[in-house]
């Protein structure tokens, strides 16, 4: 993984810190409310390709246990296979966990999620946002500050809940507080997304998300070739501006839709090649 910490001091290139810590408990409560309202047939619906709602719930449980295990210094006994990439390792570990939990029924799964998820929420609430912790590969930060790691974890919990909602015919939860933090976190992938895009120093690209919620992120080319930063930009108009609605933005970042579809939906001003590069953003391990 290529880190950008040598391009600018510390983690300033990631932009201002995000504090997702207070949102874990409400998100967990929302997940439990969603799961407890499911009908038996809902658990068998496909939530993501190859996984049912039950599989996705089991995957969340694995995430919860994994986080608590790392908190306690437990490595889980998992190891990389020879030549295995990070992405392949994560996908293999997730698949093995889900396969093993297909014998667990919805009631037992839900009760366990409620217990363990509450512990995870309390862990994040007490976390030091500046502590160096797990790398966030899609942001190019390794190690990453806890504020980014916890925000990334929050986006995963939130995204999986939306996937469950969609599987059973519900729309995306419109709560603007959670979605604004999700979008803000996802857009921290912009410098890493543009890492191979060369432009004159000071070139700016702006992404506007039109909501609710709404926001704007400006990424700037630095003096290090091919490096970009979300630190405070300089003066002047952006070379490209990409405007997306909130639903398109979060689904693009999680590959619920592809870059070409997002670009077709976007309003683009300026350099279309830079806009297309922006729409390659991925804010998950993919």
Protein backbone atom coordinates (compact mmCIF):
# COMPACT_ATOMS: atom_id res chain seq x y z
CA UNK A 1 0.00 0.00 0.00
CA UNK A 2 1.29 3.48 -0.81
CA UNK A 3 1.04 5.97 2.00
CA UNK A 4 0.78 9.68 1.31
CA UNK A 5 2.12 10.73 4.69
CA UNK A 6 5.39 11.80 3.03
CA UNK A 7 3.58 14.19 0.69
CA UNK A 8 2.39 16.52 3.43
CA UNK A 9 2.96 16.63 7.16
CA UNK A 10 1.20 14.08 9.34
CA UNK A 11 -2.26 13.22 8.09
CA UNK A 12 -3.26 16.75 7.10
CA UNK A 13 -3.72 15.64 3.48
CA UNK A 14 -6.77 13.66 4.68
CA UNK A 15 -8.55 16.85 5.68
CA UNK A 16 -10.10 17.76 9.00
CA UNK A 17 -10.74 14.88 11.42
CA UNK A 18 -14.19 13.28 11.54
CA UNK A 19 -15.76 12.29 14.85
CA UNK A 20 -18.06 9.32 14.22
CA UNK A 21 -17.82 8.04 17.79
CA UNK A 22 -21.22 9.31 19.01
CA UNK A 23 -22.98 7.64 16.07
CA UNK A 24 -22.11 4.01 16.79
CA UNK A 25 -24.78 3.48 19.45
CA UNK A 26 -27.62 5.01 17.38
CA UNK A 27 -26.48 3.06 14.33
CA UNK A 28 -26.46 -0.16 16.29
CA UNK A 29 -29.95 0.55 17.62
CA UNK A 30 -31.15 1.21 14.06
CA UNK A 31 -29.63 -2.09 12.89
CA UNK A 32 -31.35 -4.02 15.66
CA UNK A 33 -34.69 -2.36 14.92
CA UNK A 34 -34.31 -3.31 11.24
CA UNK A 35 -33.42 -6.93 11.97
CA UNK A 36 -36.15 -7.49 14.54
CA UNK A 37 -38.80 -6.38 12.07
CA UNK A 38 -37.73 -8.84 9.37
CA UNK A 39 -40.09 -11.64 8.36
CA UNK A 40 -38.71 -15.19 8.01
CA UNK A 41 -38.63 -14.91 4.21
CA UNK A 42 -36.70 -11.63 4.41
CA UNK A 43 -33.65 -13.37 5.85
CA UNK A 44 -33.33 -15.42 2.65
CA UNK A 45 -33.43 -12.44 0.28
CA UNK A 46 -30.23 -11.52 -1.54
CA UNK A 47 -28.62 -8.48 0.06
CA UNK A 48 -25.41 -8.37 -2.00
CA UNK A 49 -24.34 -10.70 -4.79
CA UNK A 50 -23.93 -14.17 -3.33
CA UNK A 51 -25.03 -13.25 0.19
CA UNK A 52 -28.48 -13.27 1.75
CA UNK A 53 -29.66 -10.91 4.47
CA UNK A 54 -28.71 -13.60 7.00
CA UNK A 55 -25.24 -13.86 5.49
CA UNK A 56 -24.75 -10.11 5.68
CA UNK A 57 -25.88 -10.06 9.31
CA UNK A 58 -23.39 -12.84 10.05
CA UNK A 59 -20.68 -10.81 8.30
CA UNK A 60 -21.46 -7.86 10.57
CA UNK A 61 -21.13 -10.13 13.58
CA UNK A 62 -17.71 -11.18 12.30
CA UNK A 63 -16.72 -7.52 12.02
CA UNK A 64 -17.86 -6.93 15.59
CA UNK A 65 -15.90 -9.87 16.97
CA UNK A 66 -12.87 -8.92 14.90
CA UNK A 67 -12.82 -5.41 16.31
CA UNK A 68 -13.15 -6.63 19.88
CA UNK A 69 -10.45 -9.21 19.24
CA UNK A 70 -8.02 -6.52 18.06
CA UNK A 71 -8.93 -4.45 21.12
CA UNK A 72 -7.91 -7.42 23.30
CA UNK A 73 -4.74 -8.20 21.33
CA UNK A 74 -6.19 -11.38 19.81
CA UNK A 75 -5.03 -12.06 16.25
CA UNK A 76 -7.73 -14.63 15.45
CA UNK A 77 -5.29 -17.18 14.12
CA UNK A 78 -5.76 -15.99 10.53
CA UNK A 79 -2.75 -15.69 8.27
CA UNK A 80 -2.09 -14.63 4.70
CA UNK A 81 -1.66 -17.43 2.20
CA UNK A 82 1.54 -17.26 0.10
CA UNK A 83 1.21 -14.41 -2.39
CA UNK A 84 -2.26 -13.43 -1.14
CA UNK A 85 -3.18 -9.76 -1.43
CA UNK A 86 -4.91 -7.83 1.34
CA UNK A 87 -8.14 -7.77 -0.67
CA UNK A 88 -8.04 -11.52 -1.33
CA UNK A 89 -7.27 -12.25 2.32
CA UNK A 90 -10.18 -10.15 3.55
CA UNK A 91 -12.62 -11.68 1.07
CA UNK A 92 -11.48 -15.20 1.97
CA UNK A 93 -11.80 -14.57 5.71
CA UNK A 94 -15.25 -13.05 5.25
CA UNK A 95 -16.43 -15.97 3.12
CA UNK A 96 -15.19 -18.56 5.60
CA UNK A 97 -16.93 -16.79 8.49
CA UNK A 98 -20.24 -16.48 6.65
CA UNK A 99 -20.14 -20.10 5.52
CA UNK A 100 -19.58 -21.26 9.11
CA UNK A 101 -22.54 -19.23 10.39
CA UNK A 102 -25.13 -20.48 7.95
CA UNK A 103 -26.18 -23.02 10.60
CA UNK A 104 -27.11 -20.18 13.00
CA UNK A 105 -30.76 -19.14 12.92
CA UNK A 106 -31.99 -15.54 12.70
CA UNK A 107 -33.12 -15.29 16.33
CA UNK A 108 -29.78 -16.45 17.76
CA UNK A 109 -27.89 -14.30 15.26
CA UNK A 110 -29.91 -11.21 16.17
CA UNK A 111 -29.50 -11.72 19.91
CA UNK A 112 -25.74 -12.15 19.54
CA UNK A 113 -25.46 -9.09 17.32
CA UNK A 114 -27.29 -7.02 19.92
CA UNK A 115 -24.93 -8.09 22.70
CA UNK A 116 -21.64 -7.85 20.83
CA UNK A 117 -22.56 -4.74 18.84
CA UNK A 118 -23.24 -2.86 22.03
CA UNK A 119 -19.72 -3.62 23.21
CA UNK A 120 -18.31 -2.36 19.91
CA UNK A 121 -20.26 0.90 20.22
CA UNK A 122 -18.89 1.46 23.72
CA UNK A 123 -15.36 0.71 22.51
CA UNK A 124 -15.54 3.39 19.84
CA UNK A 125 -17.18 5.92 22.14
CA UNK A 126 -14.12 5.72 24.42
CA UNK A 127 -11.50 5.66 21.66
CA UNK A 128 -8.70 8.23 21.35
CA UNK A 129 -9.23 9.83 17.91
CA UNK A 130 -5.52 10.57 17.46
CA UNK A 131 -4.24 7.09 18.27
CA UNK A 132 -2.53 5.43 15.26
CA UNK A 133 -4.43 2.29 14.41
CA UNK A 134 -5.46 0.11 11.47
CA UNK A 135 -4.60 1.23 7.98
CA UNK A 136 -7.40 2.38 5.70
CA UNK A 137 -6.28 1.00 2.35
CA UNK A 138 -8.74 2.88 0.18
CA UNK A 139 -7.53 6.18 1.67
CA UNK A 140 -3.86 5.24 1.30
CA UNK A 141 -3.20 5.69 5.04
CA UNK A 142 -1.27 3.00 6.93
CA UNK A 143 -1.32 3.39 9.83
CA UNK A 144 -4.37 5.60 9.96
CA UNK A 145 -5.42 7.78 12.88
CA UNK A 146 -8.22 6.29 14.96
CA UNK A 147 -10.61 9.01 13.79
CA UNK A 148 -10.34 7.73 10.22
CA UNK A 149 -10.38 4.06 11.20
CA UNK A 150 -13.48 4.53 13.36
CA UNK A 151 -15.21 6.61 10.69
CA UNK A 152 -14.44 3.88 8.15
CA UNK A 153 -15.88 1.27 10.51
CA UNK A 154 -19.01 3.37 10.97
CA UNK A 155 -19.50 3.58 7.21
CA UNK A 156 -19.33 -0.21 6.97
CA UNK A 157 -22.00 -0.69 9.63
CA UNK A 158 -24.19 1.92 7.96
CA UNK A 159 -23.70 0.57 4.44
CA UNK A 160 -24.56 -3.00 5.39
CA UNK A 161 -27.74 -1.80 7.09
CA UNK A 162 -28.75 0.00 3.90
CA UNK A 163 -28.09 -3.16 1.89
CA UNK A 164 -30.41 -5.06 4.21
CA UNK A 165 -33.03 -2.33 3.91
CA UNK A 166 -32.81 -2.40 0.11
CA UNK A 167 -33.07 -6.19 0.05
CA UNK A 168 -36.44 -6.06 1.80
CA UNK A 169 -37.84 -3.21 -0.28
CA UNK A 170 -36.94 -0.22 1.89
CA UNK A 171 -35.07 2.84 0.71
CA UNK A 172 -31.88 4.33 2.08
CA UNK A 173 -32.28 5.66 5.61
CA UNK A 174 -32.64 9.42 5.08
CA UNK A 175 -31.21 10.42 8.48
CA UNK A 176 -28.96 13.32 7.40
CA UNK A 177 -26.65 13.18 10.41
CA UNK A 178 -25.44 9.66 9.68
CA UNK A 179 -25.38 10.05 5.91
CA UNK A 180 -23.37 13.26 6.12
CA UNK A 181 -20.67 11.49 8.16
CA UNK A 182 -20.72 8.54 5.75
CA UNK A 183 -20.24 10.80 2.74
CA UNK A 184 -17.56 12.85 4.46
CA UNK A 185 -15.66 9.66 5.26
CA UNK A 186 -16.06 8.17 1.80
CA UNK A 187 -14.77 11.34 0.12
CA UNK A 188 -11.52 11.07 2.08
CA UNK A 189 -10.59 8.53 -0.59
CA UNK A 190 -10.16 11.34 -3.14
CA UNK A 191 -6.39 11.89 -2.72
CA UNK A 192 -5.73 8.16 -3.04
CA UNK A 193 -8.11 7.91 -5.99
CA UNK A 194 -6.19 10.61 -7.87
CA UNK A 195 -2.73 9.41 -6.80
CA UNK A 196 -1.72 8.52 -10.37
CA UNK A 197 -3.32 11.56 -11.97
CA UNK A 198 -0.70 14.16 -12.85
CA UNK A 199 -1.61 17.83 -12.90
CA UNK A 200 0.18 21.14 -12.29
CA UNK A 201 0.79 22.00 -8.65
CA UNK A 202 -2.23 23.76 -7.20
CA UNK A 203 -4.73 22.20 -9.60
CA UNK A 204 -8.00 21.75 -7.76
CA UNK A 205 -10.87 19.34 -8.28
CA UNK A 206 -14.10 19.89 -6.39
CA UNK A 207 -16.79 17.33 -5.61
CA UNK A 208 -20.20 18.62 -4.57
CA UNK A 209 -22.77 16.32 -3.04
CA UNK A 210 -26.26 17.69 -3.35
CA UNK A 211 -28.60 16.51 -0.63
CA UNK A 212 -29.85 16.54 1.87
CA UNK A 213 -27.28 16.14 3.17
CA UNK A 214 -24.95 18.26 1.09
CA UNK A 215 -21.26 19.09 1.19
CA UNK A 216 -18.22 20.01 -0.87
CA UNK A 217 -14.71 18.53 -0.97
CA UNK A 218 -11.77 20.08 -2.81
CA UNK A 219 -8.65 18.06 -3.53
CA UNK A 220 -5.47 19.82 -4.63
CA UNK A 221 -2.40 18.62 -6.55
CA UNK A 222 0.73 18.95 -4.38
CA UNK A 223 4.38 19.52 -5.18
CA UNK A 224 4.99 15.76 -5.08
CA UNK A 225 4.17 14.36 -8.51
CA UNK A 226 0.91 12.43 -8.57
CA UNK A 227 0.01 13.35 -4.98
CA UNK A 228 -3.16 15.16 -3.93
CA UNK A 229 -4.37 16.64 -0.66
CA UNK A 230 -7.66 17.51 1.03
CA UNK A 231 -5.92 20.11 3.18
CA UNK A 232 -7.15 23.68 2.84
CA UNK A 233 -6.94 24.53 -0.88
CA UNK A 234 -5.46 27.66 -2.37
CA UNK A 235 -7.33 30.37 -4.18
CA UNK A 236 -8.74 30.07 -7.64
CA UNK A 237 -11.48 28.14 -9.41
CA UNK A 238 -11.30 24.34 -9.66
CA UNK A 239 -10.14 22.79 -12.90
CA UNK A 240 -13.07 20.39 -12.63
CA UNK A 241 -16.25 20.27 -10.60
CA UNK A 242 -18.31 17.11 -10.18
CA UNK A 243 -21.80 17.39 -8.67
CA UNK A 244 -23.54 14.20 -7.51
CA UNK A 245 -26.72 13.57 -5.58
CA UNK A 246 -26.19 11.89 -2.20
CA UNK A 247 -27.64 8.51 -3.24
CA UNK A 248 -25.39 8.31 -6.29
CA UNK A 249 -22.36 9.39 -4.27
CA UNK A 250 -22.54 6.75 -1.54
CA UNK A 251 -23.49 3.99 -3.93
CA UNK A 252 -20.58 4.90 -6.23
CA UNK A 253 -18.15 4.81 -3.32
CA UNK A 254 -19.36 1.32 -2.36
CA UNK A 255 -19.63 0.13 -5.98
CA UNK A 256 -23.39 -0.17 -5.84
CA UNK A 257 -23.11 1.60 -9.19
CA UNK A 258 -20.13 1.85 -11.50
CA UNK A 259 -18.02 4.90 -12.45
CA UNK A 260 -19.58 5.25 -15.91
CA UNK A 261 -23.10 5.31 -14.49
CA UNK A 262 -22.12 7.86 -11.86
CA UNK A 263 -20.41 10.08 -14.43
CA UNK A 264 -23.53 9.94 -16.60
CA UNK A 265 -25.63 11.12 -13.65
CA UNK A 266 -23.17 13.83 -12.57
CA UNK A 267 -23.12 17.46 -13.52
CA UNK A 268 -19.59 18.18 -14.70
CA UNK A 269 -17.93 21.55 -15.20
CA UNK A 270 -14.40 21.86 -16.53
CA UNK A 271 -11.90 19.11 -17.28
CA UNK A 272 -13.87 15.95 -18.03
CA UNK A 273 -10.83 13.69 -17.71
CA UNK A 274 -10.32 14.85 -14.12
CA UNK A 275 -14.03 14.34 -13.49
CA UNK A 276 -13.82 10.79 -14.84
CA UNK A 277 -10.83 10.12 -12.58
CA UNK A 278 -12.85 11.30 -9.58
CA UNK A 279 -15.63 8.86 -10.46
CA UNK A 280 -13.18 5.98 -10.07
CA UNK A 281 -13.39 6.49 -6.31
CA UNK A 282 -13.78 3.38 -4.17
CA UNK A 283 -14.22 3.70 -0.39
CA UNK A 284 -14.33 0.00 0.50
CA UNK A 285 -11.95 -2.93 0.12
CA UNK A 286 -12.96 -3.96 -3.38
